[in-house]
Amino acid sequence: MFKALGDPVRLRLLSLVASHAGGEACVCDISGSFDLSQPTISHHLKVLRDAGLVDCERRGTWVYYWVVPSALQQLSSVLVIEGGPAAVPSTCAEVTA
C-alpha cells in the first residue's frame, strides 16, 4: 500500500476520491485536477485498486471509485506509535544534540 502511495499523483488521487462529495468519484470528476490524460489517471487508479486502497463499480460508461476504509485503518495502525505520539524535536539543535 505504501509503495502505491509513493507516487505523488496516486497520493493526490486517493485524497481527491476520499474528499469528494458522497465519498466516491468518477474519473471524469477528478481528471480536471491533473495535467494528465484520462488513460494515465485510470492507470494510477488501477494501481490504487490493486493495492486495495480503493474499490470501484462501473455504472454505464463511467467507473466510480471510493476509498476502502479498512485499508486506511490498516495504514493508520502501522503508523501509530505505541504509548502515544512520537517525540518530535522542535528545533534542529535537538536533533544534533
N, C-alpha and C. Protein backbone atom coordinates (compact mmCIF):
# COMPACT_ATOMS: atom_id res chain seq x y z
N MET A 1 0.82 -1.19 0.00
CA MET A 1 0.00 0.00 0.00
C MET A 1 0.87 1.26 0.00
N PHE A 2 1.92 1.24 0.82
CA PHE A 2 2.78 2.42 0.87
C PHE A 2 3.50 2.63 -0.46
N LYS A 3 3.87 1.55 -1.13
CA LYS A 3 4.51 1.67 -2.43
C LYS A 3 3.57 2.35 -3.43
N ALA A 4 2.31 1.97 -3.41
CA ALA A 4 1.33 2.59 -4.30
C ALA A 4 1.18 4.08 -4.00
N LEU A 5 1.26 4.44 -2.73
CA LEU A 5 1.10 5.83 -2.33
C LEU A 5 2.40 6.63 -2.46
N GLY A 6 3.49 5.95 -2.84
CA GLY A 6 4.77 6.62 -3.01
C GLY A 6 4.79 7.56 -4.20
N ASP A 7 3.85 7.40 -5.10
CA ASP A 7 3.76 8.28 -6.26
C ASP A 7 2.87 9.46 -5.90
N PRO A 8 3.34 10.70 -6.08
CA PRO A 8 2.54 11.88 -5.70
C PRO A 8 1.18 11.95 -6.41
N VAL A 9 1.11 11.49 -7.63
CA VAL A 9 -0.17 11.51 -8.35
C VAL A 9 -1.16 10.58 -7.67
N ARG A 10 -0.73 9.39 -7.29
CA ARG A 10 -1.64 8.44 -6.65
C ARG A 10 -2.05 8.92 -5.26
N LEU A 11 -1.12 9.53 -4.54
CA LEU A 11 -1.47 10.07 -3.22
C LEU A 11 -2.53 11.16 -3.36
N ARG A 12 -2.36 12.01 -4.35
CA ARG A 12 -3.35 13.08 -4.58
C ARG A 12 -4.68 12.50 -5.05
N LEU A 13 -4.64 11.49 -5.91
CA LEU A 13 -5.87 10.83 -6.36
C LEU A 13 -6.63 10.25 -5.17
N LEU A 14 -5.93 9.57 -4.28
CA LEU A 14 -6.58 8.99 -3.11
C LEU A 14 -7.23 10.09 -2.27
N SER A 15 -6.53 11.19 -2.10
CA SER A 15 -7.07 12.31 -1.33
C SER A 15 -8.30 12.90 -2.01
N LEU A 16 -8.26 13.06 -3.32
CA LEU A 16 -9.41 13.62 -4.05
C LEU A 16 -10.62 12.69 -3.98
N VAL A 17 -10.39 11.41 -4.13
CA VAL A 17 -11.50 10.45 -4.05
C VAL A 17 -12.09 10.46 -2.65
N ALA A 18 -11.23 10.44 -1.64
CA ALA A 18 -11.70 10.40 -0.25
C ALA A 18 -12.48 11.65 0.13
N SER A 19 -12.09 12.78 -0.41
CA SER A 19 -12.73 14.04 -0.02
C SER A 19 -13.86 14.45 -0.95
N HIS A 20 -14.12 13.67 -1.99
CA HIS A 20 -15.17 14.01 -2.95
C HIS A 20 -16.55 13.86 -2.30
N ALA A 21 -17.48 14.69 -2.71
CA ALA A 21 -18.84 14.64 -2.18
C ALA A 21 -19.42 13.25 -2.34
N GLY A 22 -19.98 12.72 -1.28
CA GLY A 22 -20.57 11.39 -1.32
C GLY A 22 -19.56 10.27 -1.11
N GLY A 23 -18.28 10.62 -0.99
CA GLY A 23 -17.26 9.62 -0.72
C GLY A 23 -16.85 8.78 -1.91
N GLU A 24 -17.31 9.15 -3.10
CA GLU A 24 -16.91 8.42 -4.30
C GLU A 24 -16.79 9.41 -5.45
N ALA A 25 -15.95 9.05 -6.42
CA ALA A 25 -15.72 9.95 -7.54
C ALA A 25 -15.52 9.16 -8.82
N CYS A 26 -15.96 9.75 -9.90
CA CYS A 26 -15.76 9.20 -11.23
C CYS A 26 -14.46 9.81 -11.78
N VAL A 27 -13.81 9.09 -12.67
CA VAL A 27 -12.60 9.62 -13.29
C VAL A 27 -12.89 10.99 -13.90
N CYS A 28 -14.07 11.14 -14.48
CA CYS A 28 -14.43 12.42 -15.10
C CYS A 28 -14.50 13.55 -14.07
N ASP A 29 -14.77 13.22 -12.80
CA ASP A 29 -14.87 14.22 -11.75
C ASP A 29 -13.51 14.74 -11.31
N ILE A 30 -12.48 13.91 -11.41
CA ILE A 30 -11.18 14.28 -10.85
C ILE A 30 -10.09 14.50 -11.89
N SER A 31 -10.33 14.12 -13.12
CA SER A 31 -9.28 14.24 -14.13
C SER A 31 -8.90 15.69 -14.42
N GLY A 32 -9.81 16.62 -14.21
CA GLY A 32 -9.51 18.03 -14.44
C GLY A 32 -8.50 18.60 -13.45
N SER A 33 -8.25 17.90 -12.36
CA SER A 33 -7.30 18.35 -11.34
C SER A 33 -5.86 18.03 -11.71
N PHE A 34 -5.65 17.32 -12.82
CA PHE A 34 -4.32 16.88 -13.22
C PHE A 34 -4.03 17.30 -14.65
N ASP A 35 -2.76 17.47 -14.93
CA ASP A 35 -2.33 17.72 -16.30
C ASP A 35 -1.88 16.39 -16.91
N LEU A 36 -2.77 15.39 -16.82
CA LEU A 36 -2.50 14.04 -17.30
C LEU A 36 -3.68 13.58 -18.15
N SER A 37 -3.42 12.63 -19.03
CA SER A 37 -4.51 12.10 -19.85
C SER A 37 -5.41 11.20 -18.99
N GLN A 38 -6.63 11.01 -19.45
CA GLN A 38 -7.57 10.15 -18.73
C GLN A 38 -7.05 8.72 -18.62
N PRO A 39 -6.43 8.14 -19.67
CA PRO A 39 -5.88 6.79 -19.50
C PRO A 39 -4.78 6.71 -18.44
N THR A 40 -3.98 7.76 -18.31
CA THR A 40 -2.93 7.77 -17.28
C THR A 40 -3.56 7.81 -15.90
N ILE A 41 -4.59 8.61 -15.72
CA ILE A 41 -5.28 8.67 -14.43
C ILE A 41 -5.92 7.32 -14.13
N SER A 42 -6.52 6.71 -15.13
CA SER A 42 -7.12 5.38 -14.93
C SER A 42 -6.06 4.36 -14.54
N HIS A 43 -4.87 4.46 -15.11
CA HIS A 43 -3.78 3.55 -14.73
C HIS A 43 -3.43 3.72 -13.26
N HIS A 44 -3.29 4.97 -12.82
CA HIS A 44 -2.95 5.23 -11.42
C HIS A 44 -4.06 4.72 -10.49
N LEU A 45 -5.30 4.89 -10.89
CA LEU A 45 -6.41 4.36 -10.09
C LEU A 45 -6.38 2.84 -10.04
N LYS A 46 -5.96 2.20 -11.12
CA LYS A 46 -5.84 0.75 -11.14
C LYS A 46 -4.76 0.29 -10.15
N VAL A 47 -3.66 1.02 -10.09
CA VAL A 47 -2.59 0.68 -9.13
C VAL A 47 -3.13 0.80 -7.70
N LEU A 48 -3.90 1.86 -7.43
CA LEU A 48 -4.50 2.02 -6.11
C LEU A 48 -5.49 0.90 -5.81
N ARG A 49 -6.23 0.50 -6.84
CA ARG A 49 -7.19 -0.60 -6.66
C ARG A 49 -6.47 -1.92 -6.42
N ASP A 50 -5.42 -2.18 -7.18
CA ASP A 50 -4.64 -3.41 -6.99
C ASP A 50 -3.99 -3.48 -5.61
N ALA A 51 -3.68 -2.31 -5.04
CA ALA A 51 -3.09 -2.25 -3.70
C ALA A 51 -4.16 -2.36 -2.61
N GLY A 52 -5.43 -2.36 -3.00
CA GLY A 52 -6.52 -2.49 -2.03
C GLY A 52 -6.92 -1.19 -1.37
N LEU A 53 -6.45 -0.07 -1.90
CA LEU A 53 -6.76 1.22 -1.29
C LEU A 53 -8.09 1.81 -1.75
N VAL A 54 -8.47 1.51 -2.98
CA VAL A 54 -9.76 1.96 -3.49
C VAL A 54 -10.48 0.78 -4.12
N ASP A 55 -11.77 0.92 -4.25
CA ASP A 55 -12.58 -0.06 -4.96
C ASP A 55 -13.41 0.71 -5.97
N CYS A 56 -14.03 0.00 -6.88
CA CYS A 56 -14.76 0.70 -7.93
C CYS A 56 -15.96 -0.10 -8.39
N GLU A 57 -16.82 0.61 -9.14
CA GLU A 57 -18.01 0.00 -9.71
C GLU A 57 -18.33 0.72 -11.02
N ARG A 58 -18.58 -0.05 -12.07
CA ARG A 58 -18.96 0.53 -13.35
C ARG A 58 -20.45 0.84 -13.31
N ARG A 59 -20.78 2.06 -13.73
CA ARG A 59 -22.17 2.49 -13.85
C ARG A 59 -22.34 3.10 -15.23
N GLY A 60 -22.88 2.31 -16.12
CA GLY A 60 -23.00 2.75 -17.51
C GLY A 60 -21.62 2.82 -18.14
N THR A 61 -21.27 3.99 -18.64
CA THR A 61 -19.95 4.16 -19.26
C THR A 61 -18.91 4.67 -18.29
N TRP A 62 -19.31 5.01 -17.06
CA TRP A 62 -18.39 5.58 -16.08
C TRP A 62 -18.03 4.56 -15.01
N VAL A 63 -16.83 4.74 -14.45
CA VAL A 63 -16.38 3.91 -13.33
C VAL A 63 -16.23 4.83 -12.13
N TYR A 64 -16.88 4.48 -11.04
CA TYR A 64 -16.83 5.27 -9.81
C TYR A 64 -15.92 4.59 -8.81
N TYR A 65 -15.09 5.39 -8.14
CA TYR A 65 -14.12 4.89 -7.17
C TYR A 65 -14.42 5.44 -5.79
N TRP A 66 -14.10 4.64 -4.77
CA TRP A 66 -14.20 5.08 -3.38
C TRP A 66 -13.07 4.45 -2.61
N VAL A 67 -12.70 5.08 -1.50
CA VAL A 67 -11.62 4.61 -0.65
C VAL A 67 -12.13 3.45 0.20
N VAL A 68 -11.30 2.44 0.37
CA VAL A 68 -11.63 1.29 1.21
C VAL A 68 -11.26 1.65 2.65
N PRO A 69 -12.26 1.85 3.53
CA PRO A 69 -11.96 2.29 4.90
C PRO A 69 -11.01 1.35 5.65
N SER A 70 -11.15 0.06 5.47
CA SER A 70 -10.27 -0.87 6.20
C SER A 70 -8.81 -0.72 5.76
N ALA A 71 -8.59 -0.33 4.52
CA ALA A 71 -7.22 -0.11 4.04
C ALA A 71 -6.61 1.10 4.73
N LEU A 72 -7.39 2.17 4.86
CA LEU A 72 -6.89 3.35 5.58
C LEU A 72 -6.64 3.03 7.04
N GLN A 73 -7.49 2.21 7.62
CA GLN A 73 -7.31 1.79 9.01
C GLN A 73 -6.01 1.00 9.16
N GLN A 74 -5.75 0.13 8.20
CA GLN A 74 -4.53 -0.67 8.24
C GLN A 74 -3.29 0.22 8.12
N LEU A 75 -3.31 1.17 7.21
CA LEU A 75 -2.19 2.11 7.08
C LEU A 75 -2.00 2.91 8.36
N SER A 76 -3.09 3.35 8.91
CA SER A 76 -3.04 4.13 10.14
C SER A 76 -2.45 3.33 11.29
N SER A 77 -2.83 2.07 11.40
CA SER A 77 -2.33 1.26 12.51
C SER A 77 -0.83 1.01 12.39
N VAL A 78 -0.30 0.99 11.19
CA VAL A 78 1.14 0.80 11.00
C VAL A 78 1.89 2.04 11.46
N LEU A 79 1.28 3.20 11.29
CA LEU A 79 1.94 4.46 11.63
C LEU A 79 1.79 4.86 13.10
N VAL A 80 0.92 4.21 13.84
CA VAL A 80 0.71 4.55 15.24
C VAL A 80 1.88 4.04 16.05
N ILE A 81 2.37 4.90 16.94
CA ILE A 81 3.46 4.52 17.83
C ILE A 81 2.85 4.17 19.18
N GLU A 82 3.20 3.00 19.69
CA GLU A 82 2.67 2.56 20.98
C GLU A 82 3.03 3.58 22.06
N GLY A 83 2.10 3.87 22.93
CA GLY A 83 2.35 4.78 24.04
C GLY A 83 2.09 6.23 23.71
N GLY A 84 1.58 6.53 22.54
CA GLY A 84 1.25 7.90 22.21
C GLY A 84 2.07 8.44 21.07
N PRO A 85 1.94 9.75 20.83
CA PRO A 85 2.64 10.35 19.71
C PRO A 85 4.15 10.34 19.91
N ALA A 86 4.87 10.31 18.83
CA ALA A 86 6.33 10.31 18.89
C ALA A 86 6.82 11.66 19.36
N ALA A 87 7.94 11.66 20.03
CA ALA A 87 8.55 12.91 20.45
C ALA A 87 9.27 13.50 19.24
N VAL A 88 8.75 14.60 18.74
CA VAL A 88 9.33 15.24 17.57
C VAL A 88 10.13 16.44 18.04
N PRO A 89 11.41 16.51 17.69
CA PRO A 89 12.22 17.65 18.10
C PRO A 89 11.65 18.95 17.55
N SER A 90 11.69 20.00 18.36
CA SER A 90 11.14 21.28 17.92
C SER A 90 12.16 22.11 17.17
N THR A 91 13.44 21.79 17.30
CA THR A 91 14.48 22.52 16.58
C THR A 91 15.51 21.56 16.04
N CYS A 92 16.29 22.03 15.12
CA CYS A 92 17.36 21.19 14.55
C CYS A 92 18.42 20.92 15.59
N ALA A 93 18.60 21.84 16.56
CA ALA A 93 19.62 21.67 17.60
C ALA A 93 19.33 20.41 18.42
N GLU A 94 18.05 20.13 18.65
CA GLU A 94 17.69 18.94 19.43
C GLU A 94 18.04 17.66 18.68
N VAL A 95 18.01 17.71 17.35
CA VAL A 95 18.32 16.54 16.54
C VAL A 95 19.80 16.23 16.61
N THR A 96 20.63 17.26 16.59
CA THR A 96 22.07 17.06 16.58
C THR A 96 22.65 16.92 17.98
N ALA A 97 21.91 17.26 19.01
CA ALA A 97 22.41 17.21 20.38
C ALA A 97 22.57 15.81 20.87
